[in-house]
Amino acid sequence: MPKMLKKLLAPLAVVAMAAYLCVALSFTARNAASQPCEGLYIVVRDSTEHPFVTASELEKELGTLPSRIAGVPLSRVNTDSIEDIFETIDKIESVRVITLTDGHILVDVDPMEPVARVFPTTGRSYYINRAGKRITASPRYHIDVPVIQGHFRDSDTSFSAISLLPLIDWLDSHPGWSSLVSAIKADSPSDIIIVPVIRGHVVNIGNLESLDSKFMRLKRFYEEVMPQKGWDMYDTISLKWGGQAVATRRIKRLKAPPAIVEIEEEVDTNTMIGVDSMRVAHKRLS
């Protein structure tokens, strides 16, 4: 075939192929739209890690919808409305509703990933994810995440349980410290209290600034002061002030003598440790 003729036929072949594809795709789309729905099924990702979110539980949220859409043309199945139903469920992080080529509707669910459990001063406890979405806590399941206690109000957007996520992230990246923290108590943005698993004292870290420095000072206090003074000597260790760890000595009472006269021990109100000198200074209560 002459080269000139080949050059003329090549564009025509491309146009013909494009037209064929358009017709074929249009025909396929019409067939797919009229294809009856073969049913709906739900897949929960990482279901072994989130046993409280199961496909059977989620299916109950749909009521009679799965049976009503079976046999209905796929073009009449509103996948957006199915997504809307699932997005109202607090245990779900995200959901995708997909129409498969075999006629089934797939609901692909990512369960919510809690990062903390919150015990407010009033009301029931709940779990939160990183975006602040809540899961109502239930006795049927338990998730091992940090515990936050505090007086949180929905109307107060300046300080909430979500405000403590930087501390939770820091602890997650330092497993040694994370394993030593049993709870976080938030009295105010400048009085965030850590309750260690080592019973007998709490740690006031102040605000969420300079966490590396604060925990370094706490480490030195644990290594250099507590073994000498005793782990039950202090009830509060404060890291609020730069370069210091300030410890308040626990007030103890001696057993009452026969004369029923109570004698109070000398109270060490301020044990101060500087980062450079690590000196311990005792002050007597007046």
Protein backbone atom coordinates (compact mmCIF):
# COMPACT_ATOMS: atom_id res chain seq x y z
CA MET A 1 0.00 0.00 0.00
CA PRO A 2 1.45 3.37 -0.93
CA LYS A 3 2.69 5.47 1.98
CA MET A 4 0.41 8.35 1.00
CA LEU A 5 -2.69 6.12 1.25
CA LYS A 6 -1.58 4.84 4.65
CA LYS A 7 -1.26 8.38 5.91
CA LEU A 8 -4.81 9.15 4.72
CA LEU A 9 -6.35 6.01 6.24
CA ALA A 10 -4.65 6.30 9.63
CA PRO A 11 -6.71 9.31 10.86
CA LEU A 12 -9.90 7.69 9.57
CA ALA A 13 -9.13 4.54 11.55
CA VAL A 14 -8.60 6.57 14.72
CA VAL A 15 -11.93 8.38 14.23
CA ALA A 16 -13.72 5.08 13.59
CA MET A 17 -12.22 3.51 16.72
CA ALA A 18 -13.21 6.49 18.82
CA ALA A 19 -16.76 6.37 17.52
CA TYR A 20 -16.94 2.65 18.26
CA LEU A 21 -15.71 3.17 21.82
CA CYS A 22 -18.26 5.93 22.41
CA VAL A 23 -21.10 3.73 21.21
CA ALA A 24 -19.81 0.71 23.15
CA LEU A 25 -19.37 2.65 26.37
CA SER A 26 -22.78 4.26 26.02
CA PHE A 27 -24.36 0.87 25.47
CA THR A 28 -22.46 -0.56 28.45
CA ALA A 29 -23.49 2.34 30.64
CA ARG A 30 -27.16 1.91 29.68
CA ASN A 31 -26.95 -1.80 30.39
CA ALA A 32 -25.23 -1.18 33.74
CA ALA A 33 -27.86 1.40 34.72
CA SER A 34 -30.68 -1.01 33.96
CA GLN A 35 -28.94 -3.95 35.62
CA PRO A 36 -30.81 -5.03 38.75
CA CYS A 37 -29.13 -4.59 42.12
CA GLU A 38 -27.88 -7.97 43.29
CA GLY A 39 -27.68 -6.91 46.93
CA LEU A 40 -25.61 -4.91 49.40
CA TYR A 41 -22.75 -5.96 51.62
CA ILE A 42 -20.58 -4.17 54.15
CA VAL A 43 -16.84 -4.48 54.67
CA VAL A 44 -15.28 -3.09 57.85
CA ARG A 45 -11.55 -2.49 57.60
CA ASP A 46 -9.35 -3.59 60.55
CA SER A 47 -12.37 -5.19 62.20
CA THR A 48 -10.12 -7.30 64.44
CA GLU A 49 -8.81 -4.10 66.07
CA HIS A 50 -12.28 -2.60 66.38
CA PRO A 51 -14.55 -5.47 67.41
CA PHE A 52 -17.26 -3.03 68.52
CA VAL A 53 -17.85 -2.09 64.86
CA THR A 54 -19.08 -5.13 62.96
CA ALA A 55 -20.78 -5.50 59.59
CA SER A 56 -23.84 -7.08 61.20
CA GLU A 57 -24.18 -4.15 63.63
CA LEU A 58 -23.91 -1.62 60.83
CA GLU A 59 -26.39 -3.51 58.69
CA LYS A 60 -29.00 -2.98 61.40
CA GLU A 61 -28.62 0.77 60.89
CA LEU A 62 -29.96 0.31 57.34
CA GLY A 63 -33.16 -1.35 58.48
CA THR A 64 -35.06 -2.82 55.52
CA LEU A 65 -33.04 -0.91 52.92
CA PRO A 66 -30.93 -3.92 51.74
CA SER A 67 -34.05 -5.98 51.01
CA ARG A 68 -35.84 -3.04 49.36
CA ILE A 69 -33.08 -2.28 46.86
CA ALA A 70 -32.53 -5.92 45.84
CA GLY A 71 -33.73 -6.26 42.23
CA VAL A 72 -34.13 -2.51 41.74
CA PRO A 73 -32.23 -1.08 38.71
CA LEU A 74 -28.85 0.25 39.83
CA SER A 75 -29.69 3.63 38.29
CA ARG A 76 -32.39 4.03 40.94
CA VAL A 77 -30.13 3.19 43.90
CA ASN A 78 -29.01 6.43 45.56
CA THR A 79 -25.52 5.64 46.88
CA ASP A 80 -25.14 9.15 48.29
CA SER A 81 -28.09 8.65 50.62
CA ILE A 82 -26.58 5.37 51.84
CA GLU A 83 -23.34 7.21 52.64
CA ASP A 84 -25.33 9.86 54.51
CA ILE A 85 -26.88 7.16 56.71
CA PHE A 86 -23.51 5.74 57.67
CA GLU A 87 -21.87 9.13 58.25
CA THR A 88 -24.30 9.77 61.12
CA ILE A 89 -22.99 6.71 63.00
CA ASP A 90 -20.46 7.80 65.63
CA LYS A 91 -18.32 4.67 65.35
CA ILE A 92 -17.40 5.36 61.72
CA GLU A 93 -14.42 7.42 60.59
CA SER A 94 -15.27 7.39 56.87
CA VAL A 95 -17.37 5.40 54.40
CA ARG A 96 -17.45 4.80 50.66
CA VAL A 97 -20.43 3.32 48.79
CA ILE A 98 -19.42 1.76 45.48
CA THR A 99 -21.44 0.12 42.70
CA LEU A 100 -19.61 -3.01 41.52
CA THR A 101 -19.68 -4.44 38.01
CA ASP A 102 -21.44 -7.60 39.23
CA GLY A 103 -24.42 -5.53 40.36
CA HIS A 104 -23.68 -5.48 44.09
CA ILE A 105 -23.45 -2.35 46.25
CA LEU A 106 -20.30 -2.34 48.40
CA VAL A 107 -20.19 -0.27 51.61
CA ASP A 108 -16.52 0.13 52.52
CA VAL A 109 -16.18 1.35 56.12
CA ASP A 110 -13.21 2.72 58.06
CA PRO A 111 -14.05 2.45 61.78
CA MET A 112 -13.27 5.41 63.98
CA GLU A 113 -9.82 5.29 65.58
CA PRO A 114 -10.08 6.64 69.13
CA VAL A 115 -7.03 8.43 70.56
CA ALA A 116 -8.38 9.09 74.07
CA ARG A 117 -11.25 8.39 76.42
CA VAL A 118 -12.73 11.47 78.07
CA PHE A 119 -14.33 11.50 81.52
CA PRO A 120 -16.02 14.90 81.85
CA THR A 121 -16.98 16.31 85.23
CA THR A 122 -20.62 15.84 84.31
CA GLY A 123 -22.16 13.40 81.87
CA ARG A 124 -21.08 10.07 80.42
CA SER A 125 -17.61 9.23 79.21
CA TYR A 126 -16.82 9.06 75.52
CA TYR A 127 -13.98 8.37 73.10
CA ILE A 128 -12.61 10.96 70.67
CA ASN A 129 -10.64 10.70 67.45
CA ARG A 130 -8.11 13.23 66.19
CA ALA A 131 -10.81 15.37 64.63
CA GLY A 132 -12.74 15.49 67.89
CA LYS A 133 -15.54 13.18 66.74
CA ARG A 134 -17.02 11.29 69.66
CA ILE A 135 -17.91 7.66 70.26
CA THR A 136 -20.26 7.05 73.14
CA ALA A 137 -18.53 4.67 75.56
CA SER A 138 -20.30 1.38 76.13
CA PRO A 139 -19.68 -1.44 78.66
CA ARG A 140 -19.70 -3.83 75.70
CA TYR A 141 -16.26 -2.78 74.55
CA HIS A 142 -13.08 -1.22 75.90
CA ILE A 143 -10.23 0.42 74.00
CA ASP A 144 -6.82 0.88 75.59
CA VAL A 145 -6.20 4.60 75.01
CA PRO A 146 -5.11 7.47 77.30
CA VAL A 147 -7.68 8.68 79.81
CA ILE A 148 -8.51 12.39 80.07
CA GLN A 149 -10.41 13.90 82.99
CA GLY A 150 -11.59 17.48 83.07
CA HIS A 151 -14.33 20.05 83.24
CA PHE A 152 -15.07 20.36 79.53
CA ARG A 153 -18.07 22.21 78.16
CA ASP A 154 -19.29 21.98 74.58
CA SER A 155 -19.74 25.74 74.55
CA ASP A 156 -16.06 26.34 75.39
CA THR A 157 -14.08 26.00 72.18
CA SER A 158 -10.92 27.57 73.61
CA PHE A 159 -10.08 24.61 75.85
CA SER A 160 -11.45 21.11 75.38
CA ALA A 161 -10.30 17.51 75.42
CA ILE A 162 -9.10 17.99 71.84
CA SER A 163 -6.71 20.68 73.13
CA LEU A 164 -4.73 17.91 74.83
CA LEU A 165 -3.97 16.01 71.62
CA PRO A 166 -0.43 17.49 71.37
CA LEU A 167 0.36 15.87 74.74
CA ILE A 168 -1.15 12.56 73.64
CA ASP A 169 0.87 12.69 70.41
CA TRP A 170 4.03 13.40 72.41
CA LEU A 171 3.38 10.44 74.69
CA ASP A 172 2.66 8.20 71.68
CA SER A 173 6.08 9.08 70.28
CA HIS A 174 7.74 8.32 73.65
CA PRO A 175 6.47 4.85 74.63
CA GLY A 176 8.52 4.80 77.83
CA TRP A 177 6.65 7.81 79.19
CA SER A 178 3.35 6.68 77.75
CA SER A 179 3.52 3.46 79.75
CA LEU A 180 4.03 5.48 82.95
CA VAL A 181 1.00 7.73 82.49
CA SER A 182 -2.31 6.35 83.76
CA ALA A 183 -4.42 9.48 83.22
CA ILE A 184 -4.37 13.16 82.29
CA LYS A 185 -6.37 15.65 84.35
CA ALA A 186 -7.00 19.08 82.90
CA ASP A 187 -7.97 21.71 85.47
CA SER A 188 -7.20 24.59 83.09
CA PRO A 189 -4.97 25.31 80.06
CA SER A 190 -2.17 26.23 82.47
CA ASP A 191 -2.69 23.38 84.96
CA ILE A 192 -2.51 20.09 83.10
CA ILE A 193 -1.93 17.26 85.54
CA ILE A 194 -0.39 13.89 84.74
CA VAL A 195 -1.32 10.99 87.00
CA PRO A 196 1.52 8.42 86.85
CA VAL A 197 1.09 4.71 87.41
CA ILE A 198 3.57 5.26 90.26
CA ARG A 199 1.04 5.94 92.96
CA GLY A 200 1.43 8.67 95.54
CA HIS A 201 2.05 11.81 93.49
CA VAL A 202 0.91 13.76 90.46
CA VAL A 203 2.87 15.88 87.98
CA ASN A 204 1.72 19.37 86.98
CA ILE A 205 3.22 20.17 83.57
CA GLY A 206 1.50 23.56 83.34
CA ASN A 207 0.70 24.20 79.68
CA LEU A 208 1.65 22.16 76.61
CA GLU A 209 4.79 24.11 75.74
CA SER A 210 8.37 22.72 75.95
CA LEU A 211 7.30 19.13 76.62
CA ASP A 212 10.79 17.78 75.86
CA SER A 213 12.32 20.01 78.52
CA LYS A 214 9.64 19.26 81.09
CA PHE A 215 9.90 15.51 80.80
CA MET A 216 13.69 15.71 80.85
CA ARG A 217 13.45 17.50 84.20
CA LEU A 218 10.97 14.92 85.46
CA LYS A 219 13.33 12.13 84.41
CA ARG A 220 16.18 13.70 86.38
CA PHE A 221 13.90 14.16 89.39
CA TYR A 222 12.92 10.51 89.27
CA GLU A 223 16.54 9.40 88.92
CA GLU A 224 18.28 11.76 91.36
CA VAL A 225 15.79 12.84 94.00
CA MET A 226 13.12 10.19 94.46
CA PRO A 227 15.54 7.33 95.26
CA GLN A 228 17.04 9.44 98.06
CA LYS A 229 13.89 11.08 99.42
CA GLY A 230 11.49 8.20 98.88
CA TRP A 231 8.69 7.77 96.37
CA ASP A 232 6.04 8.74 98.91
CA MET A 233 7.76 11.94 100.07
CA TYR A 234 6.04 14.35 97.65
CA ASP A 235 2.44 14.62 96.52
CA THR A 236 2.97 17.04 93.62
CA ILE A 237 5.85 17.70 91.22
CA SER A 238 5.43 20.89 89.21
CA LEU A 239 7.25 21.51 85.93
CA LYS A 240 5.51 24.79 85.16
CA TRP A 241 8.58 26.98 85.57
CA GLY A 242 11.47 26.86 83.13
CA GLY A 243 14.59 25.02 84.31
CA GLN A 244 13.00 23.79 87.54
CA ALA A 245 11.09 20.94 89.09
CA VAL A 246 9.23 22.13 92.18
CA ALA A 247 7.99 19.42 94.51
CA THR A 248 5.50 19.82 97.35
CA ARG A 249 6.09 17.56 100.29
CA ARG A 250 3.19 15.45 101.42
CA ILE A 251 1.64 16.49 104.73
CA LYS A 252 1.72 13.55 107.15
CA ARG A 253 0.34 13.27 110.63
CA LEU A 254 1.93 11.24 113.38
CA LYS A 255 -0.19 8.84 115.37
CA ALA A 256 -1.92 10.61 118.22
CA PRO A 257 -0.22 10.06 121.62
CA PRO A 258 -2.22 9.08 124.71
CA ALA A 259 -2.81 12.76 125.53
CA ILE A 260 -4.70 13.05 122.19
CA VAL A 261 -2.39 15.84 121.06
CA GLU A 262 -1.69 15.80 117.32
CA ILE A 263 1.82 16.80 116.23
CA GLU A 264 2.41 17.80 112.63
CA GLU A 265 5.67 16.87 110.92
CA GLU A 266 7.95 19.45 109.39
CA VAL A 267 6.53 20.11 105.93
CA ASP A 268 8.75 20.60 102.91
CA THR A 269 6.65 22.91 100.76
CA ASN A 270 9.16 23.62 98.01
CA THR A 271 11.76 21.23 96.80
CA MET A 272 13.34 23.06 93.88
CA ILE A 273 15.62 21.50 91.32
CA GLY A 274 17.49 23.61 88.81
CA VAL A 275 18.52 22.02 85.55
CA ASP A 276 22.14 23.05 86.11
CA SER A 277 22.65 22.62 89.83
CA MET A 278 19.92 20.10 90.73
CA ARG A 279 19.95 21.48 94.28
CA VAL A 280 17.31 20.54 96.81
CA ALA A 281 16.21 23.35 99.15
CA HIS A 282 13.87 22.73 102.06
CA LYS A 283 11.68 25.37 103.65
CA ARG A 284 9.93 25.03 106.98
CA LEU A 285 6.28 26.02 107.25
CA SER A 286 5.75 28.95 109.59
